[in-house]
Protein backbone atom coordinates (compact mmCIF):
# COMPACT_ATOMS: atom_id res chain seq x y z
CA MET A 1 52.01 -80.82 56.44
CA LYS A 2 51.67 -77.29 58.02
CA ALA A 3 53.08 -75.81 55.01
CA ASN A 4 50.59 -78.11 52.55
CA ASP A 5 47.78 -76.77 54.75
CA ALA A 6 48.91 -73.24 54.40
CA MET A 7 49.34 -73.43 50.75
CA LYS A 8 46.00 -75.01 50.32
CA GLN A 9 44.50 -72.20 52.55
CA ASN A 10 45.93 -69.56 50.27
CA ARG A 11 44.84 -71.29 47.21
CA ARG A 12 41.12 -71.54 48.59
CA GLY A 13 41.26 -67.73 49.24
CA PHE A 14 42.87 -66.84 45.80
CA LEU A 15 40.01 -68.92 44.15
CA LYS A 16 37.24 -67.05 46.23
CA VAL A 17 38.91 -63.86 45.47
CA ALA A 18 39.14 -64.60 41.79
CA GLY A 19 35.63 -65.85 41.52
CA ALA A 20 34.45 -62.85 43.25
CA ALA A 21 36.12 -60.70 40.92
CA ALA A 22 34.84 -62.36 37.96
CA ALA A 23 31.13 -61.94 39.15
CA THR A 24 31.76 -58.30 39.93
CA ILE A 25 32.86 -57.62 36.53
CA ALA A 26 30.31 -59.62 34.79
CA LEU A 27 27.52 -58.26 36.84
CA GLY A 28 28.97 -54.65 37.09
CA GLY A 29 25.90 -54.06 39.59
CA LEU A 30 28.25 -53.36 42.75
CA PRO A 31 29.34 -49.74 43.82
CA PHE A 32 32.76 -49.78 42.69
CA ALA A 33 32.01 -52.02 39.36
CA ALA A 34 29.58 -49.30 38.61
CA ARG A 35 32.52 -46.96 38.60
CA ALA A 36 34.26 -49.14 36.43
CA ALA A 37 31.51 -49.23 34.00
CA SER A 38 31.30 -45.56 34.05
CA ALA A 39 34.84 -45.21 32.89
CA ALA A 40 33.76 -45.88 29.28
CA ALA A 41 31.89 -42.76 29.43
CA GLY A 42 34.93 -40.65 30.67
CA LYS A 43 33.46 -40.24 34.14
CA MET A 44 36.17 -41.87 36.20
CA LYS A 45 38.15 -39.56 38.25
CA ILE A 46 41.88 -40.71 38.74
CA GLY A 47 44.36 -39.31 41.31
CA ILE A 48 48.13 -40.05 40.47
CA VAL A 49 50.93 -39.58 43.35
CA GLY A 50 54.10 -39.69 41.58
CA SER A 51 53.98 -38.49 37.91
CA GLY A 52 57.26 -39.99 36.66
CA ARG A 53 57.74 -42.39 33.87
CA VAL A 54 54.89 -44.88 35.05
CA GLY A 55 52.55 -42.48 36.56
CA GLY A 56 52.98 -39.79 34.06
CA THR A 57 52.54 -42.27 31.19
CA LEU A 58 49.66 -44.05 32.48
CA GLY A 59 47.96 -40.90 33.44
CA GLY A 60 48.00 -39.23 29.77
CA LEU A 61 46.78 -42.76 28.65
CA TRP A 62 43.86 -42.45 30.67
CA VAL A 63 43.26 -39.03 29.91
CA LYS A 64 43.20 -40.08 26.21
CA ALA A 65 40.79 -42.89 27.09
CA GLY A 66 38.27 -40.23 28.39
CA HIS A 67 38.97 -40.24 32.17
CA GLU A 68 39.70 -37.37 34.34
CA VAL A 69 43.31 -37.33 35.80
CA MET A 70 44.98 -35.18 38.71
CA PHE A 71 48.75 -35.35 38.78
CA SER A 72 50.82 -34.76 41.63
CA SER A 73 54.57 -35.39 42.68
CA LEU A 74 57.23 -33.45 44.63
CA ASP A 75 57.41 -31.07 41.56
CA LEU A 76 53.99 -29.07 41.06
CA GLU A 77 55.20 -27.09 37.89
CA HIS A 78 56.29 -30.54 36.27
CA ASP A 79 52.69 -31.82 36.97
CA LYS A 80 51.08 -28.26 35.78
CA ALA A 81 52.81 -28.60 32.41
CA LEU A 82 52.00 -32.13 31.86
CA ALA A 83 48.41 -31.62 32.55
CA ALA A 84 48.53 -28.49 30.26
CA SER A 85 49.91 -30.59 27.50
CA LEU A 86 47.04 -33.29 27.84
CA GLY A 87 43.84 -30.79 27.75
CA PRO A 88 41.14 -30.14 29.95
CA ARG A 89 40.52 -33.55 31.62
CA ALA A 90 44.12 -33.16 33.09
CA ARG A 91 45.02 -31.06 36.09
CA ALA A 92 47.74 -30.97 38.89
CA GLY A 93 47.65 -30.68 42.43
CA THR A 94 49.38 -31.72 45.85
CA PRO A 95 49.55 -35.33 46.52
CA ARG A 96 46.66 -34.67 49.27
CA GLN A 97 44.62 -33.14 46.65
CA ALA A 98 45.14 -35.86 44.25
CA ALA A 99 44.04 -38.41 46.71
CA ALA A 100 41.12 -36.37 47.69
CA PHE A 101 40.22 -36.02 43.83
CA GLY A 102 40.45 -39.36 42.74
CA ASP A 103 37.67 -42.12 42.79
CA VAL A 104 40.87 -44.31 42.36
CA LEU A 105 44.53 -43.60 43.25
CA LEU A 106 47.67 -44.64 41.53
CA ILE A 107 50.66 -44.65 43.70
CA SER A 108 53.96 -44.87 41.46
CA VAL A 109 56.81 -43.41 43.82
CA PRO A 110 60.30 -44.87 44.70
CA TYR A 111 59.47 -47.46 47.52
CA GLY A 112 61.63 -45.59 49.95
CA ALA A 113 58.95 -42.93 49.60
CA LEU A 114 55.95 -45.05 50.26
CA PRO A 115 55.91 -45.13 54.17
CA GLN A 116 55.75 -41.14 54.18
CA VAL A 117 53.14 -41.37 51.34
CA GLY A 118 51.20 -43.80 53.59
CA ARG A 119 51.17 -41.30 56.56
CA ASP A 120 50.53 -38.41 54.55
CA LEU A 121 47.27 -39.84 52.89
CA ALA A 122 46.10 -42.23 55.81
CA ASP A 123 42.93 -40.43 56.16
CA LEU A 124 42.29 -40.28 52.24
CA ILE A 125 43.36 -43.63 51.16
CA LYS A 126 41.18 -45.63 53.85
CA GLY A 127 38.63 -47.65 51.79
CA LYS A 128 39.83 -46.17 48.42
CA VAL A 129 40.94 -48.40 45.29
CA VAL A 130 44.58 -47.87 45.02
CA ILE A 131 46.78 -49.13 42.42
CA ASP A 132 50.50 -49.99 43.37
CA THR A 133 53.22 -49.91 40.92
CA CYS A 134 56.02 -49.50 43.24
CA ASN A 135 58.80 -51.71 43.27
CA PRO A 136 61.64 -52.07 46.10
CA PHE A 137 65.30 -51.90 44.92
CA PRO A 138 67.53 -52.38 47.83
CA SER A 139 70.19 -50.37 45.67
CA ARG A 140 67.88 -47.32 45.60
CA ASP A 141 65.41 -47.57 48.49
CA GLY A 142 67.81 -49.02 51.30
CA GLU A 143 66.62 -51.27 54.10
CA ILE A 144 62.96 -50.70 53.40
CA ALA A 145 63.21 -52.31 50.18
CA THR A 146 65.12 -55.17 51.87
CA TRP A 147 62.26 -55.70 54.40
CA ALA A 148 59.75 -55.49 51.55
CA ARG A 149 61.45 -58.23 49.36
CA GLU A 150 61.49 -60.43 52.42
CA LYS A 151 58.05 -59.80 53.40
CA GLY A 152 56.61 -59.86 49.71
CA ALA A 153 55.99 -56.49 48.19
CA GLY A 154 52.19 -56.79 48.04
CA LEU A 155 52.08 -57.50 51.69
CA ALA A 156 54.53 -55.01 52.62
CA SER A 157 52.51 -52.13 50.49
CA ALA A 158 49.46 -53.36 52.37
CA GLU A 159 51.13 -52.69 55.48
CA LEU A 160 52.42 -49.52 54.37
CA LEU A 161 49.01 -48.20 53.12
CA PRO A 162 46.84 -49.38 55.54
CA GLY A 163 43.24 -49.31 54.89
CA ALA A 164 43.75 -49.23 51.10
CA ARG A 165 42.00 -51.50 48.97
CA LEU A 166 45.24 -52.36 47.27
CA VAL A 167 45.96 -53.99 43.65
CA ARG A 168 49.58 -54.23 42.55
CA ALA A 169 49.71 -54.11 38.83
CA PHE A 170 51.97 -52.21 36.22
CA ASN A 171 54.95 -53.61 38.22
CA ALA A 172 56.36 -56.23 35.84
CA VAL A 173 55.90 -54.21 32.60
CA GLY A 174 58.81 -51.35 31.84
CA SER A 175 57.07 -47.86 31.41
CA ALA A 176 58.32 -47.53 27.71
CA ARG A 177 56.16 -50.66 26.75
CA LEU A 178 52.94 -48.89 28.24
CA PRO A 179 52.21 -46.32 25.18
CA GLU A 180 52.57 -49.13 22.55
CA ALA A 181 50.19 -51.44 24.12
CA ALA A 182 46.95 -50.05 22.55
CA GLN A 183 48.26 -50.15 19.07
CA ARG A 184 48.83 -54.04 19.09
CA GLN A 185 46.42 -56.50 17.52
CA GLU A 186 46.99 -58.92 20.35
CA ARG A 187 46.71 -57.78 23.89
CA ALA A 188 49.58 -58.65 26.32
CA GLY A 189 48.73 -59.65 29.67
CA MET A 190 49.04 -57.40 32.73
CA PRO A 191 49.64 -59.51 35.78
CA ILE A 192 48.08 -58.26 38.90
CA ALA A 193 47.57 -59.31 42.54
CA GLY A 194 44.99 -58.16 45.17
CA ASP A 195 42.57 -59.32 47.81
CA ASP A 196 39.44 -57.25 47.21
CA ALA A 197 37.51 -58.31 44.22
CA LYS A 198 35.74 -55.01 43.79
CA ALA A 199 38.80 -53.10 43.63
CA ILE A 200 40.29 -55.97 41.56
CA ALA A 201 37.60 -55.24 38.98
CA VAL A 202 38.14 -51.69 38.95
CA ALA A 203 41.69 -51.95 38.24
CA SER A 204 40.87 -54.39 35.54
CA GLY A 205 38.49 -51.71 33.60
CA LEU A 206 41.53 -49.23 33.71
CA ILE A 207 44.18 -51.83 32.64
CA ARG A 208 41.91 -52.70 29.52
CA ASP A 209 41.55 -49.04 28.96
CA VAL A 210 45.45 -48.50 28.08
CA GLY A 211 45.48 -51.72 26.06
CA TYR A 212 46.46 -54.74 28.42
CA GLU A 213 44.41 -57.82 29.31
CA PRO A 214 44.45 -58.14 33.23
CA VAL A 215 45.33 -61.43 34.75
CA LEU A 216 44.71 -61.88 38.14
CA ILE A 217 47.83 -64.06 39.52
CA GLY A 218 46.51 -64.48 43.19
CA PRO A 219 46.22 -62.28 46.57
CA LEU A 220 48.44 -59.84 47.35
CA ALA A 221 50.84 -62.22 48.81
CA MET A 222 51.47 -63.25 45.42
CA GLY A 223 52.69 -59.67 44.50
CA LYS A 224 56.17 -60.72 45.54
CA TYR A 225 56.33 -61.97 42.05
CA LEU A 226 55.57 -58.52 40.20
CA ILE A 227 58.78 -56.96 40.58
CA PRO A 228 61.76 -57.02 37.81
CA GLY A 229 63.99 -60.24 38.01
CA THR A 230 60.92 -62.54 38.66
CA PRO A 231 59.78 -64.79 35.90
CA LEU A 232 56.52 -62.66 35.55
CA ALA A 233 58.96 -59.68 34.52
CA GLY A 234 58.37 -58.16 30.97
CA GLU A 235 55.88 -58.74 28.57
CA HIS A 236 53.76 -62.32 28.40
CA THR A 237 50.60 -63.33 26.83
CA PRO A 238 47.87 -63.78 29.29
CA GLU A 239 48.44 -67.72 28.61
CA GLN A 240 52.12 -67.46 29.30
CA ILE A 241 51.38 -65.50 32.31
CA ARG A 242 48.88 -68.30 33.75
CA LYS A 243 51.49 -70.95 32.92
CA ILE A 244 54.36 -68.89 34.83
CA VAL A 245 52.09 -68.93 37.63
CA ALA A 246 51.31 -72.30 37.67
CA THR A 247 54.95 -73.02 38.29
CA LEU A 248 55.40 -70.73 41.20
CA ASN A 249 55.43 -71.70 44.74
């Protein structure tokens, strides 16, 4: 009985967030939604922490879509070269500089590095929209990944990045597929999870800018399904994602 009550409560919370997110996107009048609208004019600033295959690819696509992007990682020279190849809307800096620069922050690092990122950027991520692409792999990340999988990757990331307005996205689709998305006639869906309606609206705009249709699967507690090896892994249509989500739990 208690389990059923908890499930109903989670569903009510999800419906509340989903409804608020839809309203925010439709009205476009709230502060973060306004930033999302300004993205179409190339006015959004995006800081990227971790400019590898996922972060580097997404940053490049967002630059092409008209946004300003600052890349950062442990290899500043790599980031400088990447920024130089993308033109004047791209630049490179340290992770703290990228976090301060961005209206939105994308964190795309090995999960084992996430606790340190959270500590290093604690004062800069508080209250900021943060897109979390990080996936926990025990074979690579060790005990922290095992803990994150047991807790659920969405809730674990929220604990490691306290105060961030977190949205999990780009976790279930391989980086090699990202550059092709905008060329397709029919958009593939991008499953996302989050608790903050305004942050979801901002992330949704950026997801559409790279050629995907965002599909909110639920609150951060549902982020446990946004990792390889789960039914949502790989590309699916928005409708397929919704059908899969209906079978979960």
